[in-house]
Amino acid sequence: MSGAFVPVATLDQLAPGEAIDVIVGGIEIALVRDEDGGVHAIEDRCSHEDVPLSDGDVEGCTLECWKHGSQFDLRTGRPLQLPAVLPVPVYPVRVDETTGEISVDPTATLTA
């Protein structure tokens, strides 16, 4: 699967300001549509406490962990608010507008 983009959801399954949990290549990923319609993929585990980020709140290009309020930049995975201090991996996303599918490449983790 190296270098491959894998279809995981259609845009109508992901409303603006919403995150869903998907599994690609054995990796749990929070697929997030920001309030402006941009689509992001970030590992679905808070680096502070091992809880799913997809259950958190989306605001702008940030995802807030529901448990302790850590916030992560959806573009870089960097923490923007304590208590998290370590980044989480982000993954490239491609949106195919003709089919409405979102694709992520789980093997091409961007460095945060």
Protein backbone atom coordinates (compact mmCIF):
# COMPACT_ATOMS: atom_id res chain seq x y z
CA MET A 1 0.00 0.00 0.00
CA SER A 2 3.07 2.23 0.05
CA GLY A 3 2.37 5.57 -1.63
CA ALA A 4 -1.25 4.64 -2.36
CA PHE A 5 -4.25 6.78 -1.52
CA VAL A 6 -7.15 4.77 -0.13
CA PRO A 7 -10.79 5.92 -0.38
CA VAL A 8 -12.31 6.16 3.11
CA ALA A 9 -15.43 8.37 3.01
CA THR A 10 -17.58 10.57 0.83
CA LEU A 11 -17.98 14.27 1.54
CA ASP A 12 -21.66 13.81 2.42
CA GLN A 13 -20.54 11.52 5.29
CA LEU A 14 -18.42 14.32 6.76
CA ALA A 15 -20.15 17.60 7.54
CA PRO A 16 -18.16 20.81 8.06
CA GLY A 17 -16.98 21.02 11.68
CA GLU A 18 -17.14 17.24 12.10
CA ALA A 19 -14.61 14.46 12.70
CA ILE A 20 -15.06 10.74 12.08
CA ASP A 21 -12.87 7.78 12.96
CA VAL A 22 -11.56 5.66 10.08
CA ILE A 23 -9.01 2.85 10.02
CA VAL A 24 -6.53 2.75 7.16
CA GLY A 25 -3.67 0.28 7.05
CA GLY A 26 -4.33 -0.60 10.70
CA ILE A 27 -3.98 3.05 11.79
CA GLU A 28 -6.85 4.85 13.53
CA ILE A 29 -7.23 8.22 11.85
CA ALA A 30 -9.53 11.14 12.65
CA LEU A 31 -10.83 12.39 9.33
CA VAL A 32 -11.85 16.00 9.90
CA ARG A 33 -13.69 18.54 7.78
CA ASP A 34 -12.95 22.02 9.07
CA GLU A 35 -15.61 24.73 9.14
CA ASP A 36 -14.39 26.08 5.78
CA GLY A 37 -14.77 22.67 4.12
CA GLY A 38 -11.08 21.68 4.15
CA VAL A 39 -10.40 18.02 4.86
CA HIS A 40 -7.64 16.82 7.19
CA ALA A 41 -6.38 13.49 8.53
CA ILE A 42 -4.71 13.28 11.93
CA GLU A 43 -3.93 10.28 14.11
CA ASP A 44 -6.99 9.56 16.24
CA ARG A 45 -5.09 9.43 19.54
CA CYS A 46 -4.34 12.33 21.84
CA SER A 47 -0.62 12.49 22.63
CA HIS A 48 -1.38 13.49 26.23
CA GLU A 49 -3.75 10.68 27.08
CA ASP A 50 -4.58 7.81 24.76
CA VAL A 51 -8.17 8.81 23.92
CA PRO A 52 -9.78 9.33 20.49
CA LEU A 53 -9.48 12.85 19.09
CA SER A 54 -12.39 12.20 16.72
CA ASP A 55 -14.73 12.62 19.72
CA GLY A 56 -13.46 16.18 20.21
CA ASP A 57 -14.57 19.56 18.89
CA VAL A 58 -13.46 21.14 15.63
CA GLU A 59 -12.89 24.89 15.56
CA GLY A 60 -11.21 26.46 12.56
CA CYS A 61 -8.16 24.29 11.81
CA THR A 62 -7.94 22.87 15.32
CA LEU A 63 -9.23 19.72 16.96
CA GLU A 64 -9.75 19.80 20.72
CA CYS A 65 -9.42 16.66 22.81
CA TRP A 66 -12.63 16.08 24.74
CA LYS A 67 -10.91 14.77 27.87
CA HIS A 68 -8.49 17.52 28.98
CA GLY A 69 -8.82 20.26 26.35
CA SER A 70 -5.56 19.80 24.45
CA GLN A 71 -5.84 21.39 21.01
CA PHE A 72 -4.01 20.23 17.88
CA ASP A 73 -3.37 22.02 14.60
CA LEU A 74 -5.02 19.89 11.91
CA ARG A 75 -2.38 20.89 9.34
CA THR A 76 0.72 20.03 11.36
CA GLY A 77 -0.39 17.89 14.32
CA ARG A 78 1.35 20.28 16.71
CA PRO A 79 -0.27 20.85 20.08
CA LEU A 80 -1.59 24.38 20.54
CA GLN A 81 -2.91 24.03 24.09
CA LEU A 82 -1.69 22.15 27.14
CA PRO A 83 -1.66 19.58 28.61
CA ALA A 84 -0.42 17.91 25.38
CA VAL A 85 3.17 18.79 24.47
CA LEU A 86 3.89 16.17 21.79
CA PRO A 87 2.54 16.37 18.23
CA VAL A 88 0.40 13.68 16.62
CA PRO A 89 1.02 12.42 13.08
CA VAL A 90 -0.92 13.97 10.21
CA TYR A 91 -1.53 12.30 6.86
CA PRO A 92 -1.94 13.69 3.34
CA VAL A 93 -5.51 13.90 2.08
CA ARG A 94 -6.80 14.15 -1.45
CA VAL A 95 -10.41 14.86 -2.34
CA ASP A 96 -11.74 13.54 -5.62
CA GLU A 97 -14.49 16.00 -6.44
CA THR A 98 -15.98 13.87 -9.23
CA THR A 99 -16.76 10.96 -6.93
CA GLY A 100 -16.90 12.83 -3.62
CA GLU A 101 -14.39 10.43 -2.06
CA ILE A 102 -11.68 11.37 0.40
CA SER A 103 -8.39 9.52 0.29
CA VAL A 104 -5.52 9.31 2.75
CA ASP A 105 -2.08 7.79 2.47
CA PRO A 106 -1.22 6.11 5.79
CA THR A 107 2.39 5.46 4.76
CA ALA A 108 3.30 9.08 4.02
CA THR A 109 3.18 10.59 7.49
CA LEU A 110 4.15 14.25 7.48
CA THR A 111 6.62 15.30 10.13
CA ALA A 112 5.22 17.69 12.70
